[in-house]
């Protein structure tokens, strides 16, 4: 069986290009604090910790990148599960990223973004292992943020855990 045999069929006509645009407007107070506006939602703030010269008023941009990663995985899990008829009652994420802070401080040949990301995705489900692995494969294939990290050469250590509903109640 080939690597792509367990991939679901696309839910869109693959022969017709369909472009979507995502937009953000933001302001910065002349420091490390930025307020971003997305559609009609309340503002999203980012800042740096005070240990890195920030005011510690909000998550850092790199922390927000990790928020984007787990949020995207959550949304894609939902879509793939729906397409598969995969039953689950929830997902928990535990995520951390490692960065050499010399990179954003301008040290040549040190990348200014994550070197590696460790992510544990715990899905509460009574689905069998083969369907759980199919869900996993399709989520990893489809998740835009995961694939951005992979394309950037970030070492992705992703551990998928299947927790049964009986174990979740303990």
N, C-alpha and C. Protein backbone atom coordinates (compact mmCIF):
# COMPACT_ATOMS: atom_id res chain seq x y z
N UNK A 1 0.84 -1.17 0.00
CA UNK A 1 0.00 0.00 0.00
C UNK A 1 0.89 1.24 0.00
N UNK A 2 0.59 2.20 -0.88
CA UNK A 2 1.39 3.40 -1.00
C UNK A 2 1.11 4.42 0.09
N UNK A 3 2.01 5.39 0.19
CA UNK A 3 1.93 6.43 1.21
C UNK A 3 0.64 7.23 1.13
N UNK A 4 0.12 7.45 -0.07
CA UNK A 4 -1.06 8.29 -0.25
C UNK A 4 -2.36 7.50 -0.33
N UNK A 5 -2.31 6.18 -0.15
CA UNK A 5 -3.51 5.35 -0.27
C UNK A 5 -4.57 5.69 0.77
N UNK A 6 -4.16 6.22 1.92
CA UNK A 6 -5.13 6.51 2.97
C UNK A 6 -5.61 7.97 2.95
N UNK A 7 -5.22 8.74 1.93
CA UNK A 7 -5.68 10.12 1.84
C UNK A 7 -7.10 10.18 1.31
N UNK A 8 -7.90 11.03 1.94
CA UNK A 8 -9.28 11.22 1.50
C UNK A 8 -9.30 11.99 0.20
N UNK A 9 -10.35 11.81 -0.57
CA UNK A 9 -10.53 12.59 -1.80
C UNK A 9 -10.73 14.05 -1.43
N UNK A 10 -10.26 14.97 -2.24
CA UNK A 10 -10.47 16.40 -1.95
C UNK A 10 -11.95 16.72 -1.88
N UNK A 11 -12.30 17.72 -1.06
CA UNK A 11 -13.70 18.13 -0.94
C UNK A 11 -14.00 19.33 -1.85
N UNK A 12 -13.18 19.50 -2.87
CA UNK A 12 -13.29 20.59 -3.83
C UNK A 12 -12.79 20.08 -5.17
N UNK A 13 -13.22 20.69 -6.24
CA UNK A 13 -12.76 20.29 -7.58
C UNK A 13 -11.27 20.60 -7.68
N UNK A 14 -10.41 19.58 -7.76
CA UNK A 14 -8.97 19.80 -7.77
C UNK A 14 -8.45 20.46 -9.05
N UNK A 15 -9.26 20.50 -10.11
CA UNK A 15 -8.80 21.07 -11.38
C UNK A 15 -9.07 22.57 -11.49
N UNK A 16 -9.85 23.13 -10.56
CA UNK A 16 -10.19 24.55 -10.63
C UNK A 16 -9.55 25.29 -9.47
N UNK A 17 -8.67 26.23 -9.79
CA UNK A 17 -8.00 27.02 -8.77
C UNK A 17 -9.01 27.94 -8.09
N UNK A 18 -8.97 27.99 -6.76
CA UNK A 18 -9.88 28.83 -5.99
C UNK A 18 -9.06 29.55 -4.93
N UNK A 19 -8.84 30.84 -5.14
CA UNK A 19 -7.99 31.63 -4.25
C UNK A 19 -8.84 32.24 -3.13
N UNK A 20 -8.33 32.18 -1.92
CA UNK A 20 -8.95 32.85 -0.77
C UNK A 20 -7.93 33.83 -0.21
N UNK A 21 -8.39 34.95 0.27
CA UNK A 21 -7.51 35.97 0.85
C UNK A 21 -7.88 36.14 2.31
N UNK A 22 -6.90 36.18 3.17
CA UNK A 22 -7.08 36.47 4.59
C UNK A 22 -6.41 37.82 4.85
N UNK A 23 -7.08 38.70 5.58
CA UNK A 23 -6.55 40.05 5.80
C UNK A 23 -6.50 40.40 7.28
N UNK A 24 -5.48 41.14 7.64
CA UNK A 24 -5.29 41.63 8.99
C UNK A 24 -4.83 43.08 8.89
N UNK A 25 -5.36 43.93 9.77
CA UNK A 25 -4.86 45.30 9.91
C UNK A 25 -4.33 45.42 11.33
N UNK A 26 -3.24 46.14 11.50
CA UNK A 26 -2.64 46.20 12.83
C UNK A 26 -1.99 47.55 13.07
N UNK A 27 -1.82 47.85 14.35
CA UNK A 27 -1.07 49.04 14.78
C UNK A 27 -0.08 48.62 15.85
N UNK A 28 1.02 49.33 15.89
CA UNK A 28 2.07 49.08 16.88
C UNK A 28 2.33 50.40 17.59
N UNK A 29 2.51 50.33 18.90
CA UNK A 29 2.68 51.54 19.71
C UNK A 29 4.11 52.08 19.73
N UNK A 30 4.93 51.65 18.81
CA UNK A 30 6.32 52.10 18.79
C UNK A 30 7.21 51.24 19.67
N UNK A 31 6.67 50.15 20.16
CA UNK A 31 7.43 49.22 20.99
C UNK A 31 7.20 47.81 20.51
N UNK A 32 7.02 46.90 21.44
CA UNK A 32 6.84 45.49 21.09
C UNK A 32 5.37 45.07 21.08
N UNK A 33 4.48 45.95 21.50
CA UNK A 33 3.06 45.64 21.60
C UNK A 33 2.35 45.99 20.30
N UNK A 34 1.65 45.00 19.72
CA UNK A 34 0.91 45.20 18.47
C UNK A 34 -0.54 44.77 18.69
N UNK A 35 -1.46 45.57 18.14
CA UNK A 35 -2.88 45.25 18.20
C UNK A 35 -3.34 44.99 16.77
N UNK A 36 -3.85 43.77 16.54
CA UNK A 36 -4.29 43.35 15.21
C UNK A 36 -5.81 43.24 15.17
N UNK A 37 -6.36 43.55 14.01
CA UNK A 37 -7.81 43.47 13.80
C UNK A 37 -8.08 42.51 12.64
N UNK A 38 -8.93 41.53 12.92
CA UNK A 38 -9.32 40.52 11.94
C UNK A 38 -10.85 40.56 11.82
N UNK A 39 -11.32 40.82 10.63
CA UNK A 39 -12.76 40.91 10.38
C UNK A 39 -13.42 41.76 11.46
N UNK A 40 -14.51 41.29 12.06
CA UNK A 40 -15.24 42.06 13.07
C UNK A 40 -15.00 41.55 14.49
N UNK A 41 -13.91 40.82 14.69
CA UNK A 41 -13.63 40.26 16.00
C UNK A 41 -12.95 41.27 16.91
N UNK A 42 -12.99 41.02 18.22
CA UNK A 42 -12.22 41.88 19.13
C UNK A 42 -10.74 41.85 18.75
N UNK A 43 -10.01 42.90 19.07
CA UNK A 43 -8.59 42.95 18.71
C UNK A 43 -7.80 41.79 19.29
N UNK A 44 -6.78 41.39 18.56
CA UNK A 44 -5.84 40.37 19.00
C UNK A 44 -4.53 41.10 19.29
N UNK A 45 -4.01 40.90 20.49
CA UNK A 45 -2.79 41.59 20.89
C UNK A 45 -1.62 40.63 20.94
N UNK A 46 -0.44 41.17 20.67
CA UNK A 46 0.80 40.42 20.86
C UNK A 46 1.84 41.35 21.46
N UNK A 47 2.78 40.77 22.15
CA UNK A 47 3.84 41.53 22.82
C UNK A 47 4.97 40.57 23.11
N UNK A 48 6.05 41.09 23.57
CA UNK A 48 7.17 40.26 23.99
C UNK A 48 7.21 40.23 25.51
N UNK A 49 7.76 39.16 26.09
CA UNK A 49 7.94 39.13 27.54
C UNK A 49 8.87 40.26 27.98
N UNK A 50 8.72 40.69 29.22
CA UNK A 50 9.60 41.75 29.71
C UNK A 50 11.07 41.32 29.72
N UNK A 51 11.31 40.01 29.80
CA UNK A 51 12.68 39.51 29.77
C UNK A 51 13.33 39.69 28.40
N UNK A 52 12.50 39.95 27.36
CA UNK A 52 13.03 40.18 26.01
C UNK A 52 12.78 41.61 25.56
N UNK A 53 12.60 42.51 26.51
CA UNK A 53 12.43 43.92 26.17
C UNK A 53 11.01 44.35 25.91
N UNK A 54 10.05 43.46 26.12
CA UNK A 54 8.65 43.80 25.89
C UNK A 54 7.97 44.29 27.14
N UNK A 55 6.67 44.47 27.04
CA UNK A 55 5.88 44.93 28.18
C UNK A 55 5.02 43.81 28.76
N UNK A 56 5.09 42.62 28.17
CA UNK A 56 4.42 41.42 28.68
C UNK A 56 2.91 41.61 28.81
N UNK A 57 2.31 42.35 27.87
CA UNK A 57 0.87 42.60 27.91
C UNK A 57 0.06 41.55 27.16
N UNK A 58 0.74 40.67 26.41
CA UNK A 58 0.03 39.69 25.59
C UNK A 58 1.02 38.61 25.17
N UNK A 59 0.52 37.52 24.57
CA UNK A 59 1.42 36.48 24.08
C UNK A 59 2.38 37.04 23.02
N UNK A 60 3.54 36.43 22.93
CA UNK A 60 4.52 36.85 21.92
C UNK A 60 4.08 36.38 20.54
N UNK A 61 4.62 36.99 19.49
CA UNK A 61 4.28 36.52 18.14
C UNK A 61 4.61 35.03 17.94
N UNK A 62 5.71 34.55 18.51
CA UNK A 62 6.02 33.12 18.36
C UNK A 62 5.03 32.25 19.13
N UNK A 63 4.58 32.72 20.29
CA UNK A 63 3.53 31.98 21.00
C UNK A 63 2.25 31.98 20.17
N UNK A 64 1.97 33.11 19.51
CA UNK A 64 0.79 33.18 18.65
C UNK A 64 0.92 32.21 17.46
N UNK A 65 2.14 31.99 17.00
CA UNK A 65 2.35 31.01 15.92
C UNK A 65 1.98 29.62 16.41
N UNK A 66 2.31 29.30 17.66
CA UNK A 66 1.93 28.01 18.23
C UNK A 66 0.42 27.93 18.43
N UNK A 67 -0.20 29.05 18.83
CA UNK A 67 -1.66 29.09 18.93
C UNK A 67 -2.27 28.81 17.56
N UNK A 68 -1.71 29.41 16.52
CA UNK A 68 -2.19 29.17 15.16
C UNK A 68 -2.05 27.70 14.77
N UNK A 69 -0.94 27.10 15.15
CA UNK A 69 -0.71 25.69 14.84
C UNK A 69 -1.77 24.80 15.46
N UNK A 70 -1.99 24.92 16.77
CA UNK A 70 -2.95 24.03 17.42
C UNK A 70 -4.38 24.36 17.01
N UNK A 71 -4.66 25.63 16.76
CA UNK A 71 -6.00 26.02 16.31
C UNK A 71 -6.29 25.46 14.92
N UNK A 72 -5.30 25.52 14.06
CA UNK A 72 -5.46 24.98 12.71
C UNK A 72 -5.64 23.46 12.77
N UNK A 73 -4.81 22.79 13.57
CA UNK A 73 -4.98 21.35 13.72
C UNK A 73 -6.38 21.02 14.22
N UNK A 74 -6.89 21.78 15.18
CA UNK A 74 -8.24 21.54 15.70
C UNK A 74 -9.30 21.67 14.62
N UNK A 75 -9.19 22.71 13.80
CA UNK A 75 -10.16 22.92 12.73
C UNK A 75 -10.07 21.83 11.67
N UNK A 76 -8.84 21.44 11.32
CA UNK A 76 -8.66 20.41 10.29
C UNK A 76 -9.10 19.04 10.82
N UNK A 77 -8.84 18.77 12.10
CA UNK A 77 -9.33 17.52 12.69
C UNK A 77 -10.84 17.45 12.54
N UNK A 78 -11.52 18.55 12.83
CA UNK A 78 -12.98 18.58 12.71
C UNK A 78 -13.42 18.27 11.28
N UNK A 79 -12.80 18.93 10.30
CA UNK A 79 -13.18 18.72 8.91
C UNK A 79 -12.90 17.32 8.42
N UNK A 80 -11.74 16.78 8.77
CA UNK A 80 -11.39 15.43 8.34
C UNK A 80 -12.30 14.41 9.03
N UNK A 81 -12.54 14.61 10.31
CA UNK A 81 -13.42 13.68 11.05
C UNK A 81 -14.82 13.68 10.43
N UNK A 82 -15.30 14.85 10.08
CA UNK A 82 -16.63 14.93 9.45
C UNK A 82 -16.64 14.17 8.12
N UNK A 83 -15.61 14.37 7.31
CA UNK A 83 -15.53 13.69 6.01
C UNK A 83 -15.43 12.17 6.17
N UNK A 84 -14.78 11.72 7.23
CA UNK A 84 -14.61 10.28 7.47
C UNK A 84 -15.77 9.66 8.24
N UNK A 85 -16.63 10.48 8.83
CA UNK A 85 -17.62 9.94 9.76
C UNK A 85 -16.95 9.43 11.02
N UNK A 86 -15.85 10.10 11.40
CA UNK A 86 -15.02 9.71 12.55
C UNK A 86 -15.61 10.37 13.80
N UNK A 87 -15.92 9.56 14.79
CA UNK A 87 -16.52 10.06 16.02
C UNK A 87 -15.44 10.34 17.07
N UNK A 88 -15.49 11.55 17.63
CA UNK A 88 -14.58 11.89 18.72
C UNK A 88 -15.29 12.91 19.61
N UNK A 89 -14.87 13.00 20.87
CA UNK A 89 -15.55 13.91 21.78
C UNK A 89 -14.70 15.10 22.17
N UNK A 90 -13.46 15.13 21.76
CA UNK A 90 -12.61 16.28 22.08
C UNK A 90 -11.16 16.03 21.75
N UNK A 91 -10.40 17.13 21.75
CA UNK A 91 -8.96 17.07 21.47
C UNK A 91 -8.25 17.98 22.45
N UNK A 92 -7.12 17.52 22.95
CA UNK A 92 -6.25 18.34 23.80
C UNK A 92 -4.91 18.48 23.10
N UNK A 93 -4.34 19.67 23.20
CA UNK A 93 -3.05 19.96 22.59
C UNK A 93 -2.07 20.41 23.66
N UNK A 94 -0.86 19.93 23.57
CA UNK A 94 0.24 20.39 24.43
C UNK A 94 1.38 20.70 23.47
N UNK A 95 1.77 21.97 23.39
CA UNK A 95 2.68 22.39 22.33
C UNK A 95 3.75 23.33 22.88
N UNK A 96 4.98 23.13 22.43
CA UNK A 96 6.07 24.05 22.76
C UNK A 96 7.02 24.13 21.58
N UNK A 97 7.66 25.28 21.47
CA UNK A 97 8.62 25.49 20.39
C UNK A 97 9.96 25.92 20.95
N UNK A 98 11.01 25.48 20.32
CA UNK A 98 12.38 25.83 20.75
C UNK A 98 13.00 26.74 19.71
N UNK A 99 13.55 27.87 20.20
CA UNK A 99 14.20 28.83 19.32
C UNK A 99 15.53 29.24 19.94
N UNK A 100 16.52 29.42 19.12
CA UNK A 100 17.78 29.99 19.56
C UNK A 100 17.61 31.50 19.45
N UNK A 101 17.50 32.19 20.58
CA UNK A 101 17.17 33.62 20.58
C UNK A 101 18.26 34.48 19.96
N UNK A 102 19.39 33.87 19.63
CA UNK A 102 20.41 34.66 18.92
C UNK A 102 19.92 35.04 17.53
N UNK A 103 19.08 34.19 16.92
CA UNK A 103 18.57 34.45 15.57
C UNK A 103 17.83 35.78 15.47
N UNK A 104 16.78 36.00 16.30
CA UNK A 104 16.08 37.28 16.22
C UNK A 104 16.92 38.46 16.71
N UNK A 105 18.05 38.18 17.35
CA UNK A 105 18.94 39.25 17.80
C UNK A 105 20.01 39.56 16.75
N UNK A 106 19.91 38.92 15.57
CA UNK A 106 20.76 39.29 14.45
C UNK A 106 22.04 38.50 14.27
N UNK A 107 22.19 37.37 14.95
CA UNK A 107 23.40 36.57 14.77
C UNK A 107 23.29 35.83 13.45
N UNK A 108 24.28 36.07 12.61
CA UNK A 108 24.32 35.46 11.28
C UNK A 108 24.32 33.93 11.37
N UNK A 109 23.61 33.30 10.43
CA UNK A 109 23.52 31.85 10.31
C UNK A 109 22.77 31.17 11.45
N UNK A 110 22.02 31.96 12.24
CA UNK A 110 21.14 31.38 13.25
C UNK A 110 19.72 31.76 12.86
N UNK A 111 18.89 30.77 12.61
CA UNK A 111 17.53 31.07 12.12
C UNK A 111 16.75 31.85 13.18
N UNK A 112 15.97 32.84 12.75
CA UNK A 112 15.22 33.67 13.70
C UNK A 112 13.83 33.11 14.03
N UNK A 113 13.62 31.85 13.82
CA UNK A 113 12.33 31.22 14.11
C UNK A 113 12.59 29.85 14.72
N UNK A 114 11.53 29.12 14.98
CA UNK A 114 11.65 27.86 15.69
C UNK A 114 12.62 26.89 15.02
N UNK A 115 13.42 26.24 15.85
CA UNK A 115 14.25 25.12 15.40
C UNK A 115 13.42 23.84 15.43
N UNK A 116 12.64 23.69 16.51
CA UNK A 116 11.80 22.50 16.62
C UNK A 116 10.55 22.83 17.39
N UNK A 117 9.52 22.05 17.11
CA UNK A 117 8.25 22.15 17.81
C UNK A 117 7.87 20.75 18.30
N UNK A 118 7.51 20.67 19.57
CA UNK A 118 7.00 19.44 20.15
C UNK A 118 5.50 19.62 20.37
N UNK A 119 4.73 18.70 19.84
CA UNK A 119 3.28 18.80 19.91
C UNK A 119 2.69 17.43 20.22
N UNK A 120 1.86 17.39 21.27
CA UNK A 120 1.10 16.19 21.57
C UNK A 120 -0.36 16.51 21.31
N UNK A 121 -0.99 15.67 20.49
CA UNK A 121 -2.40 15.81 20.14
C UNK A 121 -3.12 14.59 20.71
N UNK A 122 -3.96 14.82 21.71
CA UNK A 122 -4.69 13.72 22.35
C UNK A 122 -6.14 13.80 21.92
N UNK A 123 -6.58 12.79 21.20
CA UNK A 123 -7.94 12.72 20.68
C UNK A 123 -8.72 11.69 21.50
N UNK A 124 -9.86 12.13 22.05
CA UNK A 124 -10.72 11.21 22.79
C UNK A 124 -11.70 10.58 21.82
N UNK A 125 -11.53 9.28 21.61
CA UNK A 125 -12.34 8.56 20.62
C UNK A 125 -12.34 7.07 20.93
N UNK A 126 -13.39 6.41 20.51
CA UNK A 126 -13.45 4.95 20.58
C UNK A 126 -13.27 4.33 19.19
N UNK A 127 -12.89 5.15 18.22
CA UNK A 127 -12.62 4.64 16.87
C UNK A 127 -11.41 3.70 16.92
N UNK A 128 -11.36 2.70 16.03
CA UNK A 128 -10.21 1.78 16.01
C UNK A 128 -8.93 2.47 15.54
N UNK A 129 -7.80 1.86 15.87
CA UNK A 129 -6.49 2.43 15.54
C UNK A 129 -6.31 2.74 14.07
N UNK A 130 -6.79 1.87 13.16
CA UNK A 130 -6.58 2.12 11.74
C UNK A 130 -7.29 3.40 11.30
N UNK A 131 -8.47 3.66 11.81
CA UNK A 131 -9.18 4.90 11.46
C UNK A 131 -8.53 6.11 12.14
N UNK A 132 -8.01 5.91 13.35
CA UNK A 132 -7.29 6.99 14.04
C UNK A 132 -6.06 7.39 13.24
N UNK A 133 -5.32 6.42 12.73
CA UNK A 133 -4.13 6.72 11.93
C UNK A 133 -4.50 7.38 10.60
N UNK A 134 -5.63 7.00 10.03
CA UNK A 134 -6.10 7.65 8.80
C UNK A 134 -6.45 9.11 9.07
N UNK A 135 -7.11 9.37 10.19
CA UNK A 135 -7.40 10.76 10.59
C UNK A 135 -6.10 11.54 10.71
N UNK A 136 -5.15 10.98 11.43
CA UNK A 136 -3.85 11.63 11.65
C UNK A 136 -3.16 11.96 10.33
N UNK A 137 -3.08 11.02 9.45
CA UNK A 137 -2.40 11.20 8.16
C UNK A 137 -3.05 12.32 7.35
N UNK A 138 -4.38 12.34 7.34
CA UNK A 138 -5.09 13.35 6.56
C UNK A 138 -4.98 14.73 7.18
N UNK A 139 -4.98 14.82 8.50
CA UNK A 139 -4.81 16.12 9.16
C UNK A 139 -3.42 16.66 8.87
N UNK A 140 -2.40 15.84 8.98
CA UNK A 140 -1.03 16.29 8.71
C UNK A 140 -0.86 16.72 7.26
N UNK A 141 -1.56 16.05 6.35
CA UNK A 141 -1.48 16.38 4.93
C UNK A 141 -2.18 17.71 4.63
N UNK A 142 -3.29 17.98 5.32
CA UNK A 142 -4.13 19.12 4.99
C UNK A 142 -3.88 20.39 5.80
N UNK A 143 -3.29 20.30 6.97
CA UNK A 143 -3.18 21.47 7.86
C UNK A 143 -2.22 22.52 7.29
N UNK A 144 -2.73 23.70 6.93
CA UNK A 144 -1.87 24.74 6.36
C UNK A 144 -0.74 25.18 7.29
N UNK A 145 -1.03 25.35 8.58
CA UNK A 145 0.01 25.85 9.49
C UNK A 145 1.07 24.79 9.73
N UNK A 146 0.67 23.54 9.91
CA UNK A 146 1.66 22.46 10.04
C UNK A 146 2.58 22.46 8.83
N UNK A 147 2.00 22.56 7.66
CA UNK A 147 2.80 22.51 6.44
C UNK A 147 3.69 23.75 6.26
N UNK A 148 3.28 24.91 6.79
CA UNK A 148 4.17 26.08 6.80
C UNK A 148 5.41 25.80 7.64
N UNK A 149 5.20 25.23 8.83
CA UNK A 149 6.32 24.90 9.71
C UNK A 149 7.25 23.89 9.04
N UNK A 150 6.67 22.85 8.45
CA UNK A 150 7.46 21.81 7.79
C UNK A 150 8.26 22.41 6.62
N UNK A 151 7.59 23.25 5.81
CA UNK A 151 8.28 23.86 4.67
C UNK A 151 9.41 24.78 5.11
N UNK A 152 9.30 25.34 6.31
CA UNK A 152 10.36 26.21 6.84
C UNK A 152 11.50 25.41 7.45
N UNK A 153 11.39 24.09 7.43
CA UNK A 153 12.46 23.25 7.96
C UNK A 153 12.44 23.11 9.47
N UNK A 154 11.30 23.42 10.10
CA UNK A 154 11.18 23.24 11.54
C UNK A 154 11.04 21.75 11.84
N UNK A 155 11.84 21.27 12.77
CA UNK A 155 11.73 19.87 13.19
C UNK A 155 10.41 19.72 13.95
N UNK A 156 9.50 18.93 13.39
CA UNK A 156 8.18 18.75 14.00
C UNK A 156 8.12 17.38 14.67
N UNK A 157 8.03 17.40 15.99
CA UNK A 157 7.89 16.17 16.77
C UNK A 157 6.44 16.11 17.24
N UNK A 158 5.62 15.41 16.47
CA UNK A 158 4.19 15.35 16.75
C UNK A 158 3.84 13.95 17.24
N UNK A 159 3.24 13.90 18.41
CA UNK A 159 2.83 12.64 19.02
C UNK A 159 1.30 12.63 19.10
N UNK A 160 0.69 11.74 18.35
CA UNK A 160 -0.77 11.58 18.37
C UNK A 160 -1.12 10.51 19.39
N UNK A 161 -2.02 10.84 20.30
CA UNK A 161 -2.43 9.91 21.35
C UNK A 161 -3.94 9.67 21.20
N UNK A 162 -4.31 8.40 21.15
CA UNK A 162 -5.71 8.01 21.09
C UNK A 162 -6.14 7.63 22.50
N UNK A 163 -7.07 8.41 23.06
CA UNK A 163 -7.58 8.13 24.40
C UNK A 163 -9.04 7.71 24.27
N UNK A 164 -9.37 6.56 24.81
CA UNK A 164 -10.75 6.09 24.73
C UNK A 164 -11.62 6.88 25.69
N UNK A 165 -12.92 6.86 25.44
CA UNK A 165 -13.82 7.61 26.32
C UNK A 165 -13.81 7.05 27.73
N UNK A 166 -13.59 5.74 27.87
CA UNK A 166 -13.48 5.15 29.22
C UNK A 166 -12.27 5.72 29.95
N UNK A 167 -11.13 5.85 29.25
CA UNK A 167 -9.92 6.39 29.87
C UNK A 167 -10.08 7.88 30.16
N UNK A 168 -10.86 8.59 29.34
CA UNK A 168 -11.04 10.03 29.53
C UNK A 168 -11.86 10.29 30.80
N UNK A 169 -12.69 9.34 31.20
CA UNK A 169 -13.52 9.54 32.37
C UNK A 169 -12.81 9.26 33.68
N UNK A 170 -11.59 8.72 33.60
CA UNK A 170 -10.83 8.40 34.83
C UNK A 170 -10.38 9.63 35.58
